[in-house]
Amino acid sequence: MAESRENPTAKLELELRRGALVLAVLSQLREPQYGYSLRQALAQRGMPIEEGTLYPLLRRLDGQGVLASAWRIEDGPPRRYYHLNDAGEALLAELTATWGALVGTMAGLLEGSGT
């Protein structure tokens, strides 16, 4: 109980970020990326993500049929590269539109106009 009172803002910020992670990940998979390179790309753009969050998310999206993946051996160990397939491109477009509408709605709410 005391833990939830220590820093409720941090927990709420984490919930907001979680809601945006799928869109953030999809946005970076227009070009093939492996896990570490994807983590770096997201972190450089202000959206750091832990390995324990990213890899299960990639497996889930792959299982849902919105990503294509393949193992590659280049310079170093084998790496699994992920990228959007046609279904992923369509999902990214839909979620981007939804995000834009949500941002507009929230801006109105936060400004107090509600419209």
C-alpha atoms as a PDB file:
ATOM      1  CA  MET A   1       0.000   0.000   0.000  1.00  0.00           C
ATOM      2  CA  ALA A   2       2.797   2.436   0.878  1.00  0.00           C
ATOM      3  CA  GLU A   3       4.525   1.637  -2.415  1.00  0.00           C
ATOM      4  CA  SER A   4       1.588   2.920  -4.464  1.00  0.00           C
ATOM      5  CA  ARG A   5       1.645   6.165  -2.484  1.00  0.00           C
ATOM      6  CA  GLU A   6       5.376   6.738  -2.986  1.00  0.00           C
ATOM      7  CA  ASN A   7       5.238   7.808  -6.605  1.00  0.00           C
ATOM      8  CA  PRO A   8       1.845   7.402  -8.269  1.00  0.00           C
ATOM      9  CA  THR A   9       2.932   9.652 -11.161  1.00  0.00           C
ATOM     10  CA  ALA A  10       5.624   7.199 -12.264  1.00  0.00           C
ATOM     11  CA  LYS A  11       3.116   4.340 -12.424  1.00  0.00           C
ATOM     12  CA  LEU A  12       0.633   6.418 -14.409  1.00  0.00           C
ATOM     13  CA  GLU A  13       3.344   7.556 -16.830  1.00  0.00           C
ATOM     14  CA  LEU A  14       4.291   3.899 -17.303  1.00  0.00           C
ATOM     15  CA  GLU A  15       0.680   3.062 -18.157  1.00  0.00           C
ATOM     16  CA  LEU A  16       0.585   5.860 -20.755  1.00  0.00           C
ATOM     17  CA  ARG A  17       3.822   4.598 -22.323  1.00  0.00           C
ATOM     18  CA  ARG A  18       2.562   1.017 -22.446  1.00  0.00           C
ATOM     19  CA  GLY A  19      -0.405   2.152 -24.467  1.00  0.00           C
ATOM     20  CA  ALA A  20       1.875   3.724 -27.055  1.00  0.00           C
ATOM     21  CA  LEU A  21       4.507   0.967 -27.300  1.00  0.00           C
ATOM     22  CA  VAL A  22       2.857  -1.064 -30.042  1.00  0.00           C
ATOM     23  CA  LEU A  23       2.558   1.997 -32.265  1.00  0.00           C
ATOM     24  CA  ALA A  24       6.133   3.032 -31.462  1.00  0.00           C
ATOM     25  CA  VAL A  25       7.501  -0.416 -32.308  1.00  0.00           C
ATOM     26  CA  LEU A  26       5.497  -0.718 -35.513  1.00  0.00           C
ATOM     27  CA  SER A  27       6.664   2.722 -36.617  1.00  0.00           C
ATOM     28  CA  GLN A  28      10.279   1.577 -36.486  1.00  0.00           C
ATOM     29  CA  LEU A  29       9.742  -1.706 -38.340  1.00  0.00           C
ATOM     30  CA  ARG A  30       9.118  -0.276 -41.785  1.00  0.00           C
ATOM     31  CA  GLU A  31      12.722  -1.347 -42.340  1.00  0.00           C
ATOM     32  CA  PRO A  32      14.075  -4.671 -40.999  1.00  0.00           C
ATOM     33  CA  GLN A  33      15.505  -4.456 -37.494  1.00  0.00           C
ATOM     34  CA  TYR A  34      16.681  -6.954 -34.908  1.00  0.00           C
ATOM     35  CA  GLY A  35      15.862  -6.528 -31.238  1.00  0.00           C
ATOM     36  CA  TYR A  36      18.895  -4.564 -30.109  1.00  0.00           C
ATOM     37  CA  SER A  37      18.863  -2.211 -33.103  1.00  0.00           C
ATOM     38  CA  LEU A  38      15.149  -1.624 -32.516  1.00  0.00           C
ATOM     39  CA  ARG A  39      15.781  -0.834 -28.840  1.00  0.00           C
ATOM     40  CA  GLN A  40      18.466   1.658 -29.863  1.00  0.00           C
ATOM     41  CA  ALA A  41      16.244   3.307 -32.484  1.00  0.00           C
ATOM     42  CA  LEU A  42      13.415   3.710 -29.985  1.00  0.00           C
ATOM     43  CA  ALA A  43      15.700   5.002 -27.237  1.00  0.00           C
ATOM     44  CA  GLN A  44      17.288   7.555 -29.579  1.00  0.00           C
ATOM     45  CA  ARG A  45      13.800   8.867 -30.323  1.00  0.00           C
ATOM     46  CA  GLY A  46      12.843   9.168 -26.650  1.00  0.00           C
ATOM     47  CA  MET A  47      11.050   5.837 -26.182  1.00  0.00           C
ATOM     48  CA  PRO A  48      13.365   3.513 -24.266  1.00  0.00           C
ATOM     49  CA  ILE A  49      12.071  -0.036 -23.862  1.00  0.00           C
ATOM     50  CA  GLU A  50      13.354  -2.899 -21.757  1.00  0.00           C
ATOM     51  CA  GLU A  51      14.334  -6.210 -23.356  1.00  0.00           C
ATOM     52  CA  GLY A  52      11.795  -7.989 -21.165  1.00  0.00           C
ATOM     53  CA  THR A  53       9.062  -5.852 -22.712  1.00  0.00           C
ATOM     54  CA  LEU A  54      10.294  -5.683 -26.300  1.00  0.00           C
ATOM     55  CA  TYR A  55      10.968  -9.334 -27.096  1.00  0.00           C
ATOM     56  CA  PRO A  56       7.594 -10.666 -25.888  1.00  0.00           C
ATOM     57  CA  LEU A  57       5.906  -7.833 -27.809  1.00  0.00           C
ATOM     58  CA  LEU A  58       7.782  -8.765 -31.003  1.00  0.00           C
ATOM     59  CA  ARG A  59       6.825 -12.434 -30.580  1.00  0.00           C
ATOM     60  CA  ARG A  60       3.190 -11.472 -29.994  1.00  0.00           C
ATOM     61  CA  LEU A  61       3.055  -9.205 -33.058  1.00  0.00           C
ATOM     62  CA  ASP A  62       4.766 -11.889 -35.138  1.00  0.00           C
ATOM     63  CA  GLY A  63       2.239 -14.449 -33.906  1.00  0.00           C
ATOM     64  CA  GLN A  64      -0.616 -12.089 -34.777  1.00  0.00           C
ATOM     65  CA  GLY A  65       0.620 -12.041 -38.364  1.00  0.00           C
ATOM     66  CA  VAL A  66       1.587  -8.356 -38.622  1.00  0.00           C
ATOM     67  CA  LEU A  67       5.349  -8.914 -38.803  1.00  0.00           C
ATOM     68  CA  ALA A  68       7.593 -10.968 -40.997  1.00  0.00           C
ATOM     69  CA  SER A  69      10.778 -12.268 -39.434  1.00  0.00           C
ATOM     70  CA  ALA A  70      13.862 -14.123 -40.577  1.00  0.00           C
ATOM     71  CA  TRP A  71      17.179 -15.157 -39.098  1.00  0.00           C
ATOM     72  CA  ARG A  72      20.255 -13.556 -40.631  1.00  0.00           C
ATOM     73  CA  ILE A  73      23.914 -14.236 -40.110  1.00  0.00           C
ATOM     74  CA  GLU A  74      25.977 -11.198 -40.980  1.00  0.00           C
ATOM     75  CA  ASP A  75      28.836  -9.773 -38.930  1.00  0.00           C
ATOM     76  CA  GLY A  76      28.461 -11.594 -35.632  1.00  0.00           C
ATOM     77  CA  PRO A  77      25.907 -13.952 -34.163  1.00  0.00           C
ATOM     78  CA  PRO A  78      22.662 -14.946 -35.894  1.00  0.00           C
ATOM     79  CA  ARG A  79      19.966 -12.312 -35.392  1.00  0.00           C
ATOM     80  CA  ARG A  80      16.252 -12.426 -35.970  1.00  0.00           C
ATOM     81  CA  TYR A  81      15.173  -9.454 -38.070  1.00  0.00           C
ATOM     82  CA  TYR A  82      11.586  -8.223 -37.960  1.00  0.00           C
ATOM     83  CA  HIS A  83       9.730  -5.962 -40.382  1.00  0.00           C
ATOM     84  CA  LEU A  84       6.165  -5.050 -41.204  1.00  0.00           C
ATOM     85  CA  ASN A  85       4.336  -7.224 -43.690  1.00  0.00           C
ATOM     86  CA  ASP A  86       1.260  -5.996 -45.574  1.00  0.00           C
ATOM     87  CA  ALA A  87      -0.997  -6.605 -42.571  1.00  0.00           C
ATOM     88  CA  GLY A  88       1.481  -4.726 -40.382  1.00  0.00           C
ATOM     89  CA  GLU A  89       1.547  -1.778 -42.771  1.00  0.00           C
ATOM     90  CA  ALA A  90      -2.263  -1.660 -42.663  1.00  0.00           C
ATOM     91  CA  LEU A  91      -2.262  -1.896 -38.862  1.00  0.00           C
ATOM     92  CA  LEU A  92       0.320   0.884 -38.609  1.00  0.00           C
ATOM     93  CA  ALA A  93      -1.830   3.111 -40.815  1.00  0.00           C
ATOM     94  CA  GLU A  94      -4.948   2.388 -38.735  1.00  0.00           C
ATOM     95  CA  LEU A  95      -3.206   2.933 -35.402  1.00  0.00           C
ATOM     96  CA  THR A  96      -1.557   6.117 -36.682  1.00  0.00           C
ATOM     97  CA  ALA A  97      -4.984   7.501 -37.622  1.00  0.00           C
ATOM     98  CA  THR A  98      -6.394   6.460 -34.250  1.00  0.00           C
ATOM     99  CA  TRP A  99      -3.438   8.057 -32.483  1.00  0.00           C
ATOM    100  CA  GLY A 100      -3.926  11.315 -34.384  1.00  0.00           C
ATOM    101  CA  ALA A 101      -7.601  11.424 -33.440  1.00  0.00           C
ATOM    102  CA  LEU A 102      -6.778  10.636 -29.817  1.00  0.00           C
ATOM    103  CA  VAL A 103      -4.138  13.373 -29.667  1.00  0.00           C
ATOM    104  CA  GLY A 104      -6.673  15.856 -31.021  1.00  0.00           C
ATOM    105  CA  THR A 105      -9.302  14.758 -28.522  1.00  0.00           C
ATOM    106  CA  MET A 106      -6.872  14.911 -25.613  1.00  0.00           C
ATOM    107  CA  ALA A 107      -5.641  18.355 -26.664  1.00  0.00           C
ATOM    108  CA  GLY A 108      -9.232  19.596 -26.574  1.00  0.00           C
ATOM    109  CA  LEU A 109      -9.863  17.981 -23.200  1.00  0.00           C
ATOM    110  CA  LEU A 110      -6.658  19.294 -21.672  1.00  0.00           C
ATOM    111  CA  GLU A 111      -7.363  22.797 -22.960  1.00  0.00           C
ATOM    112  CA  GLY A 112     -10.788  22.558 -21.361  1.00  0.00           C
ATOM    113  CA  SER A 113     -12.870  22.905 -24.509  1.00  0.00           C
ATOM    114  CA  GLY A 114     -13.901  19.262 -24.685  1.00  0.00           C
ATOM    115  CA  THR A 115     -14.495  19.478 -28.452  1.00  0.00           C
END
